[in-house]
C-alpha cells in the first residue's frame, strides 16, 4: 500500500514538472494563437520606440509602414507588402541600408494573427540579411496602441 501511494505521489509531482520543463525549454514564447517567425526579443514596445525617437540621436532606426494605416512620424510608407509590388519597394528602399541598422516595421491594421503583411515583411528582412529587425508590438492596431497614446504621427 505504501509503495502504491509513493508511486502515485511521484507521478503527480513528475507530470507537472515535466510539463513545465517542456514549456520553458521549447522555442521562445509567441503571441497566443499564432505561429510567429519572430522572437519576443524582436518585438519593440510602442513606448520604447517613442523614447528612441524623442532622443533625436544619430542612431535612429529606419521605420517602415508596411500596411495601410497612418504613418508614424519619420516612417517610410511602403504600403501593404502582401502585394508583390510593395514587397519590391521594401527591398529597394532598404538596398543602401547597413545590415546592422535597426529596422522597425509595423502594419497596425489588425492583430498579428490576422495581419497579411507582417510575416512577408519579416521574412524579406531576414532574407536580406538584416540583423537588428524589430516589429512594433501593436497587439490591437495602430490607433489603439500608438495614436490613442499620443505617440508621434505624421501630420496630414
C-alpha atoms as a PDB file:
ATOM      1  CA  UNK A   1       0.000   0.000   0.000  1.00  0.00           C
ATOM      2  CA  UNK A   2       2.807   2.414   0.908  1.00  0.00           C
ATOM      3  CA  UNK A   3       4.582   1.567  -2.342  1.00  0.00           C
ATOM      4  CA  UNK A   4       1.457   2.287  -4.414  1.00  0.00           C
ATOM      5  CA  UNK A   5       0.910   5.615  -2.622  1.00  0.00           C
ATOM      6  CA  UNK A   6       4.537   6.584  -3.247  1.00  0.00           C
ATOM      7  CA  UNK A   7       4.217   5.795  -6.964  1.00  0.00           C
ATOM      8  CA  UNK A   8       1.032   7.865  -7.221  1.00  0.00           C
ATOM      9  CA  UNK A   9       2.632  10.817  -5.426  1.00  0.00           C
ATOM     10  CA  UNK A  10       5.726  10.634  -7.631  1.00  0.00           C
ATOM     11  CA  UNK A  11       3.505  10.567 -10.708  1.00  0.00           C
ATOM     12  CA  UNK A  12       1.531  13.583  -9.530  1.00  0.00           C
ATOM     13  CA  UNK A  13       4.764  15.512  -8.958  1.00  0.00           C
ATOM     14  CA  UNK A  14       6.589  14.372 -12.101  1.00  0.00           C
ATOM     15  CA  UNK A  15       3.885  15.230 -14.657  1.00  0.00           C
ATOM     16  CA  UNK A  16       3.652  18.956 -13.780  1.00  0.00           C
ATOM     17  CA  UNK A  17       7.432  19.309 -13.544  1.00  0.00           C
ATOM     18  CA  UNK A  18       7.952  17.628 -16.933  1.00  0.00           C
ATOM     19  CA  UNK A  19       5.194  19.739 -18.441  1.00  0.00           C
ATOM     20  CA  UNK A  20       6.754  22.932 -17.067  1.00  0.00           C
ATOM     21  CA  UNK A  21      10.172  21.900 -18.426  1.00  0.00           C
ATOM     22  CA  UNK A  22       8.703  21.224 -21.868  1.00  0.00           C
ATOM     23  CA  UNK A  23       7.048  24.653 -21.929  1.00  0.00           C
ATOM     24  CA  UNK A  24      10.144  26.571 -20.852  1.00  0.00           C
ATOM     25  CA  UNK A  25      12.696  24.643 -22.877  1.00  0.00           C
ATOM     26  CA  UNK A  26      10.749  24.943 -26.124  1.00  0.00           C
ATOM     27  CA  UNK A  27      11.140  27.850 -28.531  1.00  0.00           C
ATOM     28  CA  UNK A  28      10.609  31.332 -27.090  1.00  0.00           C
ATOM     29  CA  UNK A  29       7.093  32.420 -26.212  1.00  0.00           C
ATOM     30  CA  UNK A  30       4.993  33.802 -29.023  1.00  0.00           C
ATOM     31  CA  UNK A  31       1.742  35.651 -29.108  1.00  0.00           C
ATOM     32  CA  UNK A  32      -1.309  33.490 -28.401  1.00  0.00           C
ATOM     33  CA  UNK A  33      -2.907  31.802 -31.387  1.00  0.00           C
ATOM     34  CA  UNK A  34      -0.134  32.492 -33.869  1.00  0.00           C
ATOM     35  CA  UNK A  35       2.835  30.686 -35.296  1.00  0.00           C
ATOM     36  CA  UNK A  36       5.178  33.661 -35.389  1.00  0.00           C
ATOM     37  CA  UNK A  37       8.591  33.624 -37.060  1.00  0.00           C
ATOM     38  CA  UNK A  38       9.978  36.370 -34.800  1.00  0.00           C
ATOM     39  CA  UNK A  39      11.296  36.032 -31.281  1.00  0.00           C
ATOM     40  CA  UNK A  40       9.832  38.014 -28.407  1.00  0.00           C
ATOM     41  CA  UNK A  41      13.155  39.862 -28.267  1.00  0.00           C
ATOM     42  CA  UNK A  42      12.409  41.139 -31.776  1.00  0.00           C
ATOM     43  CA  UNK A  43       9.265  42.935 -30.637  1.00  0.00           C
ATOM     44  CA  UNK A  44       9.603  46.582 -29.647  1.00  0.00           C
ATOM     45  CA  UNK A  45       7.004  48.210 -27.434  1.00  0.00           C
ATOM     46  CA  UNK A  46       5.429  51.484 -28.599  1.00  0.00           C
ATOM     47  CA  UNK A  47       6.730  53.394 -25.561  1.00  0.00           C
ATOM     48  CA  UNK A  48      10.278  52.168 -26.207  1.00  0.00           C
ATOM     49  CA  UNK A  49      10.159  53.264 -29.855  1.00  0.00           C
ATOM     50  CA  UNK A  50       8.669  56.641 -28.908  1.00  0.00           C
ATOM     51  CA  UNK A  51      11.526  57.141 -26.398  1.00  0.00           C
ATOM     52  CA  UNK A  52      14.139  56.294 -29.034  1.00  0.00           C
ATOM     53  CA  UNK A  53      12.507  58.714 -31.469  1.00  0.00           C
ATOM     54  CA  UNK A  54      12.452  61.525 -28.876  1.00  0.00           C
ATOM     55  CA  UNK A  55      16.154  61.028 -28.139  1.00  0.00           C
ATOM     56  CA  UNK A  56      16.939  62.565 -31.560  1.00  0.00           C
ATOM     57  CA  UNK A  57      20.320  60.861 -31.551  1.00  0.00           C
ATOM     58  CA  UNK A  58      22.348  59.776 -34.528  1.00  0.00           C
ATOM     59  CA  UNK A  59      21.265  56.163 -34.032  1.00  0.00           C
ATOM     60  CA  UNK A  60      17.636  56.496 -35.096  1.00  0.00           C
ATOM     61  CA  UNK A  61      16.065  53.366 -36.526  1.00  0.00           C
ATOM     62  CA  UNK A  62      14.672  53.033 -40.010  1.00  0.00           C
ATOM     63  CA  UNK A  63      10.894  52.908 -39.523  1.00  0.00           C
ATOM     64  CA  UNK A  64       8.757  51.274 -42.190  1.00  0.00           C
ATOM     65  CA  UNK A  65       4.976  51.331 -42.539  1.00  0.00           C
ATOM     66  CA  UNK A  66       4.221  48.113 -44.404  1.00  0.00           C
ATOM     67  CA  UNK A  67       0.439  48.497 -44.143  1.00  0.00           C
ATOM     68  CA  UNK A  68      -2.402  50.860 -44.998  1.00  0.00           C
ATOM     69  CA  UNK A  69      -2.532  52.814 -41.726  1.00  0.00           C
ATOM     70  CA  UNK A  70      -1.219  56.275 -40.818  1.00  0.00           C
ATOM     71  CA  UNK A  71       2.498  56.875 -40.767  1.00  0.00           C
ATOM     72  CA  UNK A  72       4.386  57.132 -37.526  1.00  0.00           C
ATOM     73  CA  UNK A  73       6.486  60.300 -37.546  1.00  0.00           C
ATOM     74  CA  UNK A  74       9.567  59.654 -39.664  1.00  0.00           C
ATOM     75  CA  UNK A  75       8.298  56.367 -41.116  1.00  0.00           C
ATOM     76  CA  UNK A  76       8.708  55.495 -44.769  1.00  0.00           C
ATOM     77  CA  UNK A  77       5.372  54.447 -46.217  1.00  0.00           C
ATOM     78  CA  UNK A  78       5.819  51.229 -48.204  1.00  0.00           C
ATOM     79  CA  UNK A  79       2.213  50.049 -48.334  1.00  0.00           C
ATOM     80  CA  UNK A  80       0.888  46.532 -47.819  1.00  0.00           C
ATOM     81  CA  UNK A  81       3.709  44.091 -48.570  1.00  0.00           C
ATOM     82  CA  UNK A  82       1.239  41.284 -49.179  1.00  0.00           C
ATOM     83  CA  UNK A  83       1.290  42.973 -52.625  1.00  0.00           C
ATOM     84  CA  UNK A  84       4.406  41.944 -54.610  1.00  0.00           C
ATOM     85  CA  UNK A  85       4.904  45.487 -55.969  1.00  0.00           C
ATOM     86  CA  UNK A  86       5.147  46.861 -52.421  1.00  0.00           C
ATOM     87  CA  UNK A  87       7.423  43.996 -51.373  1.00  0.00           C
ATOM     88  CA  UNK A  88       9.753  45.019 -54.224  1.00  0.00           C
ATOM     89  CA  UNK A  89       9.548  48.627 -52.970  1.00  0.00           C
ATOM     90  CA  UNK A  90      10.585  47.416 -49.497  1.00  0.00           C
ATOM     91  CA  UNK A  91      13.704  45.762 -50.965  1.00  0.00           C
ATOM     92  CA  UNK A  92      14.526  48.860 -53.000  1.00  0.00           C
ATOM     93  CA  UNK A  93      14.131  51.256 -50.039  1.00  0.00           C
ATOM     94  CA  UNK A  94      16.494  49.156 -47.926  1.00  0.00           C
ATOM     95  CA  UNK A  95      19.114  48.466 -50.601  1.00  0.00           C
ATOM     96  CA  UNK A  96      21.586  51.044 -49.223  1.00  0.00           C
ATOM     97  CA  UNK A  97      20.772  50.452 -45.537  1.00  0.00           C
ATOM     98  CA  UNK A  98      23.530  48.805 -43.460  1.00  0.00           C
ATOM     99  CA  UNK A  99      22.522  45.282 -42.414  1.00  0.00           C
ATOM    100  CA  UNK A 100      23.157  46.053 -38.720  1.00  0.00           C
ATOM    101  CA  UNK A 101      20.921  49.172 -38.739  1.00  0.00           C
ATOM    102  CA  UNK A 102      17.842  48.857 -36.527  1.00  0.00           C
ATOM    103  CA  UNK A 103      14.836  48.421 -38.798  1.00  0.00           C
ATOM    104  CA  UNK A 104      11.433  48.807 -37.125  1.00  0.00           C
ATOM    105  CA  UNK A 105       8.410  47.835 -39.152  1.00  0.00           C
ATOM    106  CA  UNK A 106       4.690  47.838 -38.494  1.00  0.00           C
ATOM    107  CA  UNK A 107       1.389  47.319 -40.201  1.00  0.00           C
ATOM    108  CA  UNK A 108      -1.127  48.197 -37.497  1.00  0.00           C
ATOM    109  CA  UNK A 109      -4.238  47.200 -39.434  1.00  0.00           C
ATOM    110  CA  UNK A 110      -5.248  44.396 -37.101  1.00  0.00           C
ATOM    111  CA  UNK A 111      -3.908  41.897 -34.525  1.00  0.00           C
ATOM    112  CA  UNK A 112      -0.791  39.958 -35.596  1.00  0.00           C
ATOM    113  CA  UNK A 113      -2.644  36.660 -36.007  1.00  0.00           C
ATOM    114  CA  UNK A 114      -4.787  38.187 -38.790  1.00  0.00           C
ATOM    115  CA  UNK A 115      -2.253  40.535 -40.410  1.00  0.00           C
ATOM    116  CA  UNK A 116      -1.388  39.702 -44.041  1.00  0.00           C
ATOM    117  CA  UNK A 117       1.686  41.969 -44.097  1.00  0.00           C
ATOM    118  CA  UNK A 118       3.982  41.428 -41.123  1.00  0.00           C
ATOM    119  CA  UNK A 119       5.058  37.867 -41.900  1.00  0.00           C
ATOM    120  CA  UNK A 120       6.092  38.608 -45.529  1.00  0.00           C
ATOM    121  CA  UNK A 121       7.954  41.732 -44.346  1.00  0.00           C
ATOM    122  CA  UNK A 122       9.731  39.835 -41.553  1.00  0.00           C
ATOM    123  CA  UNK A 123      10.683  37.034 -43.959  1.00  0.00           C
ATOM    124  CA  UNK A 124      12.036  39.524 -46.502  1.00  0.00           C
ATOM    125  CA  UNK A 125      14.063  41.485 -43.932  1.00  0.00           C
ATOM    126  CA  UNK A 126      15.547  38.225 -42.671  1.00  0.00           C
ATOM    127  CA  UNK A 127      16.305  37.044 -46.210  1.00  0.00           C
ATOM    128  CA  UNK A 128      18.028  40.358 -46.968  1.00  0.00           C
ATOM    129  CA  UNK A 129      20.359  39.738 -44.004  1.00  0.00           C
ATOM    130  CA  UNK A 130      19.223  42.422 -41.565  1.00  0.00           C
ATOM    131  CA  UNK A 131      20.391  41.578 -38.058  1.00  0.00           C
ATOM    132  CA  UNK A 132      18.536  44.177 -35.969  1.00  0.00           C
ATOM    133  CA  UNK A 133      14.911  43.679 -37.007  1.00  0.00           C
ATOM    134  CA  UNK A 134      12.180  44.947 -34.683  1.00  0.00           C
ATOM    135  CA  UNK A 135       8.429  44.506 -35.111  1.00  0.00           C
ATOM    136  CA  UNK A 136       6.439  47.250 -33.424  1.00  0.00           C
ATOM    137  CA  UNK A 137       4.231  45.464 -30.908  1.00  0.00           C
ATOM    138  CA  UNK A 138       0.717  46.606 -31.836  1.00  0.00           C
ATOM    139  CA  UNK A 139      -1.477  43.821 -30.426  1.00  0.00           C
ATOM    140  CA  UNK A 140      -4.740  45.562 -31.400  1.00  0.00           C
ATOM    141  CA  UNK A 141      -3.939  48.159 -34.084  1.00  0.00           C
ATOM    142  CA  UNK A 142      -2.052  51.395 -34.667  1.00  0.00           C
ATOM    143  CA  UNK A 143      -4.891  53.597 -33.424  1.00  0.00           C
ATOM    144  CA  UNK A 144      -5.276  51.798 -30.089  1.00  0.00           C
ATOM    145  CA  UNK A 145      -1.618  51.044 -29.396  1.00  0.00           C
ATOM    146  CA  UNK A 146       0.040  54.185 -30.819  1.00  0.00           C
ATOM    147  CA  UNK A 147      -2.229  57.067 -31.829  1.00  0.00           C
ATOM    148  CA  UNK A 148      -4.516  56.940 -28.758  1.00  0.00           C
ATOM    149  CA  UNK A 149      -1.396  57.107 -26.555  1.00  0.00           C
ATOM    150  CA  UNK A 150      -0.369  60.370 -28.259  1.00  0.00           C
ATOM    151  CA  UNK A 151       2.809  58.976 -29.770  1.00  0.00           C
ATOM    152  CA  UNK A 152       4.023  60.982 -32.798  1.00  0.00           C
ATOM    153  CA  UNK A 153       2.368  60.550 -36.199  1.00  0.00           C
ATOM    154  CA  UNK A 154       2.921  62.420 -39.447  1.00  0.00           C
ATOM    155  CA  UNK A 155       0.699  65.440 -39.973  1.00  0.00           C
ATOM    156  CA  UNK A 156      -1.755  65.174 -42.804  1.00  0.00           C
END
